[in-house]
C-alpha atoms as a PDB file:
ATOM      1  CA  MET A   1     -56.181  51.825  98.754  1.00  0.00           C
ATOM      2  CA  MET A   2     -58.003  49.639 101.335  1.00  0.00           C
ATOM      3  CA  GLY A   3     -56.406  48.299 104.510  1.00  0.00           C
ATOM      4  CA  PRO A   4     -55.518  44.769 103.281  1.00  0.00           C
ATOM      5  CA  ALA A   5     -53.690  46.161 100.158  1.00  0.00           C
ATOM      6  CA  HIS A   6     -51.836  48.657 102.298  1.00  0.00           C
ATOM      7  CA  SER A   7     -50.645  46.011 104.783  1.00  0.00           C
ATOM      8  CA  LEU A   8     -49.600  43.599 102.068  1.00  0.00           C
ATOM      9  CA  SER A   9     -47.638  46.307 100.300  1.00  0.00           C
ATOM     10  CA  GLY A  10     -45.945  47.291 103.513  1.00  0.00           C
ATOM     11  CA  ALA A  11     -44.903  43.730 104.317  1.00  0.00           C
ATOM     12  CA  ALA A  12     -43.742  43.171 100.706  1.00  0.00           C
ATOM     13  CA  ALA A  13     -41.684  46.321 100.851  1.00  0.00           C
ATOM     14  CA  TRP A  14     -39.727  45.217 103.935  1.00  0.00           C
ATOM     15  CA  LEU A  15     -39.184  41.714 102.509  1.00  0.00           C
ATOM     16  CA  GLY A  16     -37.835  43.429  99.365  1.00  0.00           C
ATOM     17  CA  VAL A  17     -35.420  45.449 101.542  1.00  0.00           C
ATOM     18  CA  GLY A  18     -34.352  42.184 103.090  1.00  0.00           C
ATOM     19  CA  ALA A  19     -33.698  40.789  99.683  1.00  0.00           C
ATOM     20  CA  ALA A  20     -31.628  43.880  98.681  1.00  0.00           C
ATOM     21  CA  VAL A  21     -29.426  43.819 101.799  1.00  0.00           C
ATOM     22  CA  ALA A  22     -28.911  40.117 101.376  1.00  0.00           C
ATOM     23  CA  ALA A  23     -27.770  40.726  97.788  1.00  0.00           C
ATOM     24  CA  ALA A  24     -25.371  43.350  99.104  1.00  0.00           C
ATOM     25  CA  GLY A  25     -23.818  40.751 101.507  1.00  0.00           C
ATOM     26  CA  HIS A  26     -25.428  42.016 104.705  1.00  0.00           C
ATOM     27  CA  SER A  27     -28.264  39.607 105.377  1.00  0.00           C
ATOM     28  CA  MET A  28     -30.825  40.393 108.047  1.00  0.00           C
ATOM     29  CA  PRO A  29     -31.253  37.843 110.839  1.00  0.00           C
ATOM     30  CA  TRP A  30     -34.555  36.102 110.246  1.00  0.00           C
ATOM     31  CA  PRO A  31     -36.253  37.614 113.325  1.00  0.00           C
ATOM     32  CA  VAL A  32     -35.514  41.112 111.944  1.00  0.00           C
ATOM     33  CA  LEU A  33     -36.929  40.132 108.566  1.00  0.00           C
ATOM     34  CA  LEU A  34     -40.102  38.804 110.151  1.00  0.00           C
ATOM     35  CA  THR A  35     -40.524  41.584 112.683  1.00  0.00           C
ATOM     36  CA  GLY A  36     -39.775  44.309 110.167  1.00  0.00           C
ATOM     37  CA  ALA A  37     -42.320  42.803 107.692  1.00  0.00           C
ATOM     38  CA  LEU A  38     -45.047  42.814 110.449  1.00  0.00           C
ATOM     39  CA  ILE A  39     -44.228  46.324 111.678  1.00  0.00           C
ATOM     40  CA  SER A  40     -44.222  47.633 108.127  1.00  0.00           C
ATOM     41  CA  ALA A  41     -47.541  45.924 107.448  1.00  0.00           C
ATOM     42  CA  GLY A  42     -48.994  47.615 110.521  1.00  0.00           C
ATOM     43  CA  ALA A  43     -47.377  50.977 109.843  1.00  0.00           C
ATOM     44  CA  ALA A  44     -48.868  50.936 106.385  1.00  0.00           C
ATOM     45  CA  LEU A  45     -52.234  51.457 107.997  1.00  0.00           C
ATOM     46  CA  ALA A  46     -51.103  54.272 110.321  1.00  0.00           C
ATOM     47  CA  PRO A  47     -51.417  57.212 108.013  1.00  0.00           C
ATOM     48  CA  ASP A  48     -55.142  56.811 107.920  1.00  0.00           C
ATOM     49  CA  LEU A  49     -55.175  57.964 111.550  1.00  0.00           C
ATOM     50  CA  ASP A  50     -56.770  61.108 110.094  1.00  0.00           C
ATOM     51  CA  HIS A  51     -59.903  59.202 108.977  1.00  0.00           C
ATOM     52  CA  LYS A  52     -62.526  58.103 111.446  1.00  0.00           C
ATOM     53  CA  ALA A  53     -63.813  55.298 109.104  1.00  0.00           C
ATOM     54  CA  ALA A  54     -60.320  53.705 108.606  1.00  0.00           C
ATOM     55  CA  THR A  55     -59.301  50.405 110.028  1.00  0.00           C
ATOM     56  CA  ILE A  56     -56.915  52.030 112.569  1.00  0.00           C
ATOM     57  CA  SER A  57     -59.834  54.094 113.976  1.00  0.00           C
ATOM     58  CA  ARG A  58     -61.453  51.016 115.556  1.00  0.00           C
ATOM     59  CA  ALA A  59     -58.172  48.996 116.113  1.00  0.00           C
ATOM     60  CA  PHE A  60     -57.807  50.174 119.725  1.00  0.00           C
ATOM     61  CA  GLY A  61     -61.349  50.836 120.679  1.00  0.00           C
ATOM     62  CA  PRO A  62     -62.355  54.278 122.041  1.00  0.00           C
ATOM     63  CA  LEU A  63     -58.692  55.320 122.350  1.00  0.00           C
ATOM     64  CA  SER A  64     -58.024  55.127 118.643  1.00  0.00           C
ATOM     65  CA  ARG A  65     -61.315  56.727 117.724  1.00  0.00           C
ATOM     66  CA  TRP A  66     -60.510  59.684 120.036  1.00  0.00           C
ATOM     67  CA  LEU A  67     -57.079  59.891 118.617  1.00  0.00           C
ATOM     68  CA  CYS A  68     -58.370  59.873 115.013  1.00  0.00           C
ATOM     69  CA  GLU A  69     -60.556  62.890 115.798  1.00  0.00           C
ATOM     70  CA  ILE A  70     -57.594  64.773 117.243  1.00  0.00           C
ATOM     71  CA  VAL A  71     -55.305  63.962 114.303  1.00  0.00           C
ATOM     72  CA  ASP A  72     -58.030  64.915 111.787  1.00  0.00           C
ATOM     73  CA  LYS A  73     -58.456  68.324 113.459  1.00  0.00           C
ATOM     74  CA  LEU A  74     -54.662  68.819 113.688  1.00  0.00           C
ATOM     75  CA  SER A  75     -54.183  67.828 109.982  1.00  0.00           C
ATOM     76  CA  TYR A  76     -56.968  70.224 108.923  1.00  0.00           C
ATOM     77  CA  ALA A  77     -55.464  73.037 110.939  1.00  0.00           C
ATOM     78  CA  VAL A  78     -52.035  72.494 109.396  1.00  0.00           C
ATOM     79  CA  TYR A  79     -53.597  72.301 105.902  1.00  0.00           C
ATOM     80  CA  LYS A  80     -55.432  75.609 106.431  1.00  0.00           C
ATOM     81  CA  ALA A  81     -52.367  77.309 107.809  1.00  0.00           C
ATOM     82  CA  THR A  82     -50.032  76.261 105.071  1.00  0.00           C
ATOM     83  CA  ARG A  83     -52.178  76.007 101.896  1.00  0.00           C
ATOM     84  CA  LYS A  84     -51.282  78.164  98.889  1.00  0.00           C
ATOM     85  CA  GLN A  85     -53.571  79.848  96.480  1.00  0.00           C
ATOM     86  CA  GLY A  86     -53.830  76.870  94.174  1.00  0.00           C
ATOM     87  CA  ASP A  87     -54.704  74.396  96.953  1.00  0.00           C
ATOM     88  CA  ALA A  88     -58.378  73.462  97.140  1.00  0.00           C
ATOM     89  CA  ARG A  89     -60.599  74.343 100.036  1.00  0.00           C
ATOM     90  CA  ARG A  90     -61.617  71.414 102.135  1.00  0.00           C
ATOM     91  CA  SER A  91     -63.552  70.560 105.288  1.00  0.00           C
ATOM     92  CA  GLY A  92     -61.383  67.793 106.846  1.00  0.00           C
ATOM     93  CA  GLY A  93     -57.846  66.637 107.255  1.00  0.00           C
ATOM     94  CA  HIS A  94     -57.869  63.315 105.550  1.00  0.00           C
ATOM     95  CA  ARG A  95     -54.905  62.725 103.214  1.00  0.00           C
ATOM     96  CA  THR A  96     -53.031  65.778 104.342  1.00  0.00           C
ATOM     97  CA  LEU A  97     -50.455  65.895 107.129  1.00  0.00           C
ATOM     98  CA  THR A  98     -50.227  62.137 107.867  1.00  0.00           C
ATOM     99  CA  HIS A  99     -49.862  61.376 104.201  1.00  0.00           C
ATOM    100  CA  THR A 100     -46.545  63.174 103.730  1.00  0.00           C
ATOM    101  CA  TRP A 101     -42.826  62.099 103.785  1.00  0.00           C
ATOM    102  CA  LEU A 102     -42.266  64.356 106.730  1.00  0.00           C
ATOM    103  CA  TRP A 103     -44.847  62.619 108.906  1.00  0.00           C
ATOM    104  CA  ALA A 104     -43.377  59.225 107.952  1.00  0.00           C
ATOM    105  CA  VAL A 105     -39.888  60.365 108.962  1.00  0.00           C
ATOM    106  CA  LEU A 106     -41.022  61.926 112.224  1.00  0.00           C
ATOM    107  CA  THR A 107     -43.050  58.972 113.350  1.00  0.00           C
ATOM    108  CA  GLY A 108     -40.190  56.543 112.558  1.00  0.00           C
ATOM    109  CA  ALA A 109     -37.662  58.759 114.313  1.00  0.00           C
ATOM    110  CA  GLY A 110     -39.926  59.121 117.297  1.00  0.00           C
ATOM    111  CA  ALA A 111     -40.406  55.296 117.499  1.00  0.00           C
ATOM    112  CA  SER A 112     -36.603  54.769 117.341  1.00  0.00           C
ATOM    113  CA  ALA A 113     -35.978  57.331 120.059  1.00  0.00           C
ATOM    114  CA  LEU A 114     -38.622  55.828 122.286  1.00  0.00           C
ATOM    115  CA  ALA A 115     -37.276  52.270 121.731  1.00  0.00           C
ATOM    116  CA  VAL A 116     -33.743  53.368 122.693  1.00  0.00           C
ATOM    117  CA  THR A 117     -34.612  55.502 125.652  1.00  0.00           C
ATOM    118  CA  GLY A 118     -37.744  53.748 126.956  1.00  0.00           C
ATOM    119  CA  GLY A 119     -36.290  50.271 127.498  1.00  0.00           C
ATOM    120  CA  ARG A 120     -38.092  46.914 127.089  1.00  0.00           C
ATOM    121  CA  TRP A 121     -41.615  48.115 127.806  1.00  0.00           C
ATOM    122  CA  ALA A 122     -41.278  50.816 125.168  1.00  0.00           C
ATOM    123  CA  VAL A 123     -40.240  48.229 122.672  1.00  0.00           C
ATOM    124  CA  LEU A 124     -43.099  46.003 123.667  1.00  0.00           C
ATOM    125  CA  ALA A 125     -45.545  48.911 123.223  1.00  0.00           C
ATOM    126  CA  ILE A 126     -44.223  49.642 119.742  1.00  0.00           C
ATOM    127  CA  LEU A 127     -44.403  45.983 118.777  1.00  0.00           C
ATOM    128  CA  PHE A 128     -47.920  45.579 120.280  1.00  0.00           C
ATOM    129  CA  ALA A 129     -49.358  48.570 118.460  1.00  0.00           C
ATOM    130  CA  HIS A 130     -48.030  47.481 115.104  1.00  0.00           C
ATOM    131  CA  MET A 131     -48.956  43.837 115.627  1.00  0.00           C
ATOM    132  CA  VAL A 132     -52.519  44.886 116.265  1.00  0.00           C
ATOM    133  CA  LEU A 133     -52.579  46.918 112.987  1.00  0.00           C
ATOM    134  CA  ALA A 134     -50.773  44.103 111.106  1.00  0.00           C
ATOM    135  CA  ILE A 135     -53.401  41.531 112.185  1.00  0.00           C
ATOM    136  CA  GLU A 136     -56.252  44.002 111.417  1.00  0.00           C
ATOM    137  CA  GLY A 137     -54.722  44.526 107.883  1.00  0.00           C
ATOM    138  CA  LEU A 138     -53.532  41.083 106.888  1.00  0.00           C
ATOM    139  CA  LEU A 139     -56.469  39.184 108.477  1.00  0.00           C
ATOM    140  CA  TRP A 140     -59.006  41.845 107.576  1.00  0.00           C
ATOM    141  CA  ARG A 141     -62.121  39.718 107.345  1.00  0.00           C
ATOM    142  CA  ALA A 142     -61.295  37.523 110.336  1.00  0.00           C
ATOM    143  CA  ALA A 143     -60.535  40.574 112.588  1.00  0.00           C
ATOM    144  CA  ARG A 144     -63.610  42.537 111.703  1.00  0.00           C
ATOM    145  CA  GLY A 145     -66.250  43.218 114.383  1.00  0.00           C
ATOM    146  CA  SER A 146     -66.026  44.454 117.960  1.00  0.00           C
ATOM    147  CA  SER A 147     -66.343  40.870 119.273  1.00  0.00           C
ATOM    148  CA  SER A 148     -62.877  39.998 117.848  1.00  0.00           C
ATOM    149  CA  ASP A 149     -61.046  43.079 119.229  1.00  0.00           C
ATOM    150  CA  VAL A 150     -60.015  41.336 122.564  1.00  0.00           C
ATOM    151  CA  LEU A 151     -58.738  38.307 120.597  1.00  0.00           C
ATOM    152  CA  VAL A 152     -56.714  40.612 118.289  1.00  0.00           C
ATOM    153  CA  TRP A 153     -55.259  42.393 121.268  1.00  0.00           C
ATOM    154  CA  LEU A 154     -54.336  39.121 123.065  1.00  0.00           C
ATOM    155  CA  LEU A 155     -52.653  37.754 119.865  1.00  0.00           C
ATOM    156  CA  ALA A 156     -50.793  41.023 119.352  1.00  0.00           C
ATOM    157  CA  ALA A 157     -49.604  41.118 122.984  1.00  0.00           C
ATOM    158  CA  THR A 158     -48.456  37.482 122.851  1.00  0.00           C
ATOM    159  CA  SER A 159     -46.724  38.089 119.505  1.00  0.00           C
ATOM    160  CA  ALA A 160     -44.996  41.170 120.809  1.00  0.00           C
ATOM    161  CA  TRP A 161     -43.699  39.328 123.878  1.00  0.00           C
ATOM    162  CA  ILE A 162     -42.415  36.330 121.912  1.00  0.00           C
ATOM    163  CA  ILE A 163     -40.831  38.602 119.232  1.00  0.00           C
ATOM    164  CA  ALA A 164     -39.069  40.799 121.789  1.00  0.00           C
ATOM    165  CA  GLY A 165     -37.753  37.700 123.551  1.00  0.00           C
ATOM    166  CA  THR A 166     -36.490  36.230 120.248  1.00  0.00           C
ATOM    167  CA  LEU A 167     -34.798  39.443 119.176  1.00  0.00           C
ATOM    168  CA  ASP A 168     -33.049  39.895 122.555  1.00  0.00           C
ATOM    169  CA  LYS A 169     -31.151  36.628 122.085  1.00  0.00           C
ATOM    170  CA  PRO A 170     -27.542  37.126 120.870  1.00  0.00           C
ATOM    171  CA  GLY A 171     -27.286  37.317 117.064  1.00  0.00           C
ATOM    172  CA  ASN A 172     -31.062  37.600 116.498  1.00  0.00           C
ATOM    173  CA  GLY A 173     -31.129  41.234 115.649  1.00  0.00           C
ATOM    174  CA  SER A 174     -31.868  43.614 118.585  1.00  0.00           C
ATOM    175  CA  ASP A 175     -28.682  45.433 117.520  1.00  0.00           C
ATOM    176  CA  TRP A 176     -29.101  44.945 113.779  1.00  0.00           C
ATOM    177  CA  LEU A 177     -27.562  47.780 111.746  1.00  0.00           C
ATOM    178  CA  PHE A 178     -26.758  49.854 114.825  1.00  0.00           C
ATOM    179  CA  THR A 179     -24.234  48.033 116.932  1.00  0.00           C
ATOM    180  CA  GLU A 180     -22.918  50.649 119.434  1.00  0.00           C
ATOM    181  CA  PRO A 181     -23.832  50.167 123.057  1.00  0.00           C
ATOM    182  CA  GLY A 182     -27.258  51.589 123.857  1.00  0.00           C
ATOM    183  CA  GLN A 183     -28.464  51.424 120.237  1.00  0.00           C
ATOM    184  CA  GLN A 184     -30.509  48.268 120.536  1.00  0.00           C
ATOM    185  CA  TYR A 185     -33.740  48.506 118.660  1.00  0.00           C
ATOM    186  CA  LEU A 186     -32.802  51.786 116.995  1.00  0.00           C
ATOM    187  CA  TRP A 187     -33.712  50.145 113.728  1.00  0.00           C
ATOM    188  CA  LEU A 188     -37.309  49.730 114.708  1.00  0.00           C
ATOM    189  CA  GLY A 189     -38.148  53.142 113.138  1.00  0.00           C
ATOM    190  CA  LEU A 190     -37.063  51.966 109.671  1.00  0.00           C
ATOM    191  CA  PRO A 191     -40.003  49.655 108.900  1.00  0.00           C
ATOM    192  CA  ILE A 192     -42.353  52.307 110.360  1.00  0.00           C
ATOM    193  CA  VAL A 193     -41.042  54.966 107.854  1.00  0.00           C
ATOM    194  CA  LEU A 194     -41.114  52.360 104.990  1.00  0.00           C
ATOM    195  CA  GLY A 195     -44.732  51.315 105.806  1.00  0.00           C
ATOM    196  CA  ALA A 196     -45.951  54.948 105.940  1.00  0.00           C
ATOM    197  CA  LEU A 197     -44.257  55.796 102.640  1.00  0.00           C
ATOM    198  CA  VAL A 198     -45.640  52.722 100.931  1.00  0.00           C
ATOM    199  CA  HIS A 199     -49.101  53.716 102.135  1.00  0.00           C
ATOM    200  CA  ASP A 200     -48.652  57.198 100.587  1.00  0.00           C
ATOM    201  CA  ILE A 201     -47.418  55.683  97.314  1.00  0.00           C
ATOM    202  CA  GLY A 202     -50.366  53.377  97.213  1.00  0.00           C
ATOM    203  CA  ASP A 203     -52.813  56.284  97.820  1.00  0.00           C
ATOM    204  CA  ALA A 204     -51.084  58.258  95.060  1.00  0.00           C
ATOM    205  CA  LEU A 205     -52.175  55.565  92.628  1.00  0.00           C
ATOM    206  CA  THR A 206     -55.842  56.220  93.379  1.00  0.00           C
ATOM    207  CA  VAL A 207     -58.101  58.877  91.887  1.00  0.00           C
ATOM    208  CA  SER A 208     -57.372  61.559  94.516  1.00  0.00           C
ATOM    209  CA  GLY A 209     -53.571  61.276  94.496  1.00  0.00           C
ATOM    210  CA  CYS A 210     -51.469  62.026  97.653  1.00  0.00           C
ATOM    211  CA  PRO A 211     -49.515  65.100  98.800  1.00  0.00           C
ATOM    212  CA  ILE A 212     -46.402  63.083  99.673  1.00  0.00           C
ATOM    213  CA  LEU A 213     -43.952  65.956  99.104  1.00  0.00           C
ATOM    214  CA  TRP A 214     -45.492  68.454 101.425  1.00  0.00           C
ATOM    215  CA  PRO A 215     -44.262  71.006 102.599  1.00  0.00           C
ATOM    216  CA  ILE A 216     -42.286  71.283  99.296  1.00  0.00           C
ATOM    217  CA  PRO A 217     -44.431  73.529  96.997  1.00  0.00           C
ATOM    218  CA  ILE A 218     -45.083  72.499  93.418  1.00  0.00           C
ATOM    219  CA  GLY A 219     -46.346  75.376  91.242  1.00  0.00           C
ATOM    220  CA  ARG A 220     -49.215  77.180  92.993  1.00  0.00           C
ATOM    221  CA  LYS A 221     -49.829  74.356  95.364  1.00  0.00           C
ATOM    222  CA  ARG A 222     -48.111  73.225  98.604  1.00  0.00           C
ATOM    223  CA  TRP A 223     -50.412  70.179  98.912  1.00  0.00           C
ATOM    224  CA  TYR A 224     -49.915  68.912  95.435  1.00  0.00           C
ATOM    225  CA  PRO A 225     -51.621  65.472  94.994  1.00  0.00           C
ATOM    226  CA  LEU A 226     -48.879  63.421  93.350  1.00  0.00           C
ATOM    227  CA  GLY A 227     -49.900  60.460  91.193  1.00  0.00           C
ATOM    228  CA  PRO A 228     -49.625  58.978  87.764  1.00  0.00           C
ATOM    229  CA  PRO A 229     -51.686  60.275  84.813  1.00  0.00           C
ATOM    230  CA  LYS A 230     -55.321  60.139  85.681  1.00  0.00           C
ATOM    231  CA  VAL A 231     -56.023  57.465  83.104  1.00  0.00           C
ATOM    232  CA  MET A 232     -53.751  55.112  85.095  1.00  0.00           C
ATOM    233  CA  ARG A 233     -55.397  55.693  88.516  1.00  0.00           C
ATOM    234  CA  PHE A 234     -58.113  53.604  90.135  1.00  0.00           C
ATOM    235  CA  ARG A 235     -60.654  53.877  92.851  1.00  0.00           C
ATOM    236  CA  ALA A 236     -59.914  52.372  96.344  1.00  0.00           C
ATOM    237  CA  GLY A 237     -61.424  48.928  96.590  1.00  0.00           C
ATOM    238  CA  SER A 238     -61.706  48.488  92.840  1.00  0.00           C
ATOM    239  CA  TRP A 239     -61.040  45.251  91.013  1.00  0.00           C
ATOM    240  CA  ILE A 240     -57.552  46.456  89.991  1.00  0.00           C
ATOM    241  CA  GLU A 241     -56.604  46.662  93.685  1.00  0.00           C
ATOM    242  CA  LEU A 242     -58.216  43.367  94.720  1.00  0.00           C
ATOM    243  CA  LYS A 243     -57.584  41.180  91.683  1.00  0.00           C
ATOM    244  CA  VAL A 244     -54.231  42.585  90.406  1.00  0.00           C
ATOM    245  CA  LEU A 245     -52.265  44.571  93.015  1.00  0.00           C
ATOM    246  CA  MET A 246     -52.901  42.327  96.027  1.00  0.00           C
ATOM    247  CA  PRO A 247     -51.746  39.161  94.248  1.00  0.00           C
ATOM    248  CA  VAL A 248     -48.747  41.059  92.951  1.00  0.00           C
ATOM    249  CA  PHE A 249     -47.868  42.190  96.499  1.00  0.00           C
ATOM    250  CA  MET A 250     -48.149  38.618  97.754  1.00  0.00           C
ATOM    251  CA  LEU A 251     -45.967  37.317  94.919  1.00  0.00           C
ATOM    252  CA  LEU A 252     -43.324  40.011  95.365  1.00  0.00           C
ATOM    253  CA  GLY A 253     -43.332  39.497  99.095  1.00  0.00           C
ATOM    254  CA  GLY A 254     -42.831  35.765  98.738  1.00  0.00           C
ATOM    255  CA  LEU A 255     -39.968  36.266  96.333  1.00  0.00           C
ATOM    256  CA  GLY A 256     -38.405  38.934  98.544  1.00  0.00           C
ATOM    257  CA  GLY A 257     -38.629  36.768 101.619  1.00  0.00           C
ATOM    258  CA  ALA A 258     -37.149  33.732  99.841  1.00  0.00           C
ATOM    259  CA  ALA A 259     -34.288  35.852  98.485  1.00  0.00           C
ATOM    260  CA  ALA A 260     -33.660  37.410 101.859  1.00  0.00           C
ATOM    261  CA  LEU A 261     -33.381  34.015 103.493  1.00  0.00           C
ATOM    262  CA  GLY A 262     -31.122  32.704 100.763  1.00  0.00           C
ATOM    263  CA  PHE A 263     -33.513  30.216  99.236  1.00  0.00           C
ATOM    264  CA  ILE A 264     -33.235  31.851  95.745  1.00  0.00           C
END
């Protein structure tokens, strides 16, 4: 799928989680609901860090382009080193390592560990990175072009600062879900894991499928491209994605948010 659909699906997924925990009697504070939706929207773009033409490759200027090249080479090396006889030969690392459940879990766990051990500046860095990606994804057309990069970064930095200040207030959610001393912001990894997994599921719906279960082998393949029957798949950027899935994501996100906040 394309960036806007990925970001919308990530945000909708977290709002759905908010509705589910509210139904179970453990409502999220509204800052957690909002922050998690934005982080998940940003994290839903992050698996494409292995593709130099993806939104994330230009989101942070030369730094992200350089990082994309490294991740692409790393992903390709892992693919070559672990492929089985049934896995296809390929020349790049796109839709391999970063499109797996293991990558999603490791990045989320890493972010949680950094948030807990790195203090306020680590939290701000995590929020800033994901706010940039969320803006790039959700405001795709408005954020396109190198001339808008500085504005996006300024908006993301301001948003990260305001969000961190809001979450730090008592009862607003810095210690949501994990309440022991020293566990503030441990939950930040959860929307990152969710966003990455939702990205993978979205890609699994497209023609190429997605090797979400790696390194678990399926038959003669370790990089088995999971997906529905081929007749049900679509091409990225097709009318199904733009005219059907994106409106559905917006509707589900709205309903999830309303339920999470107790309006329905």
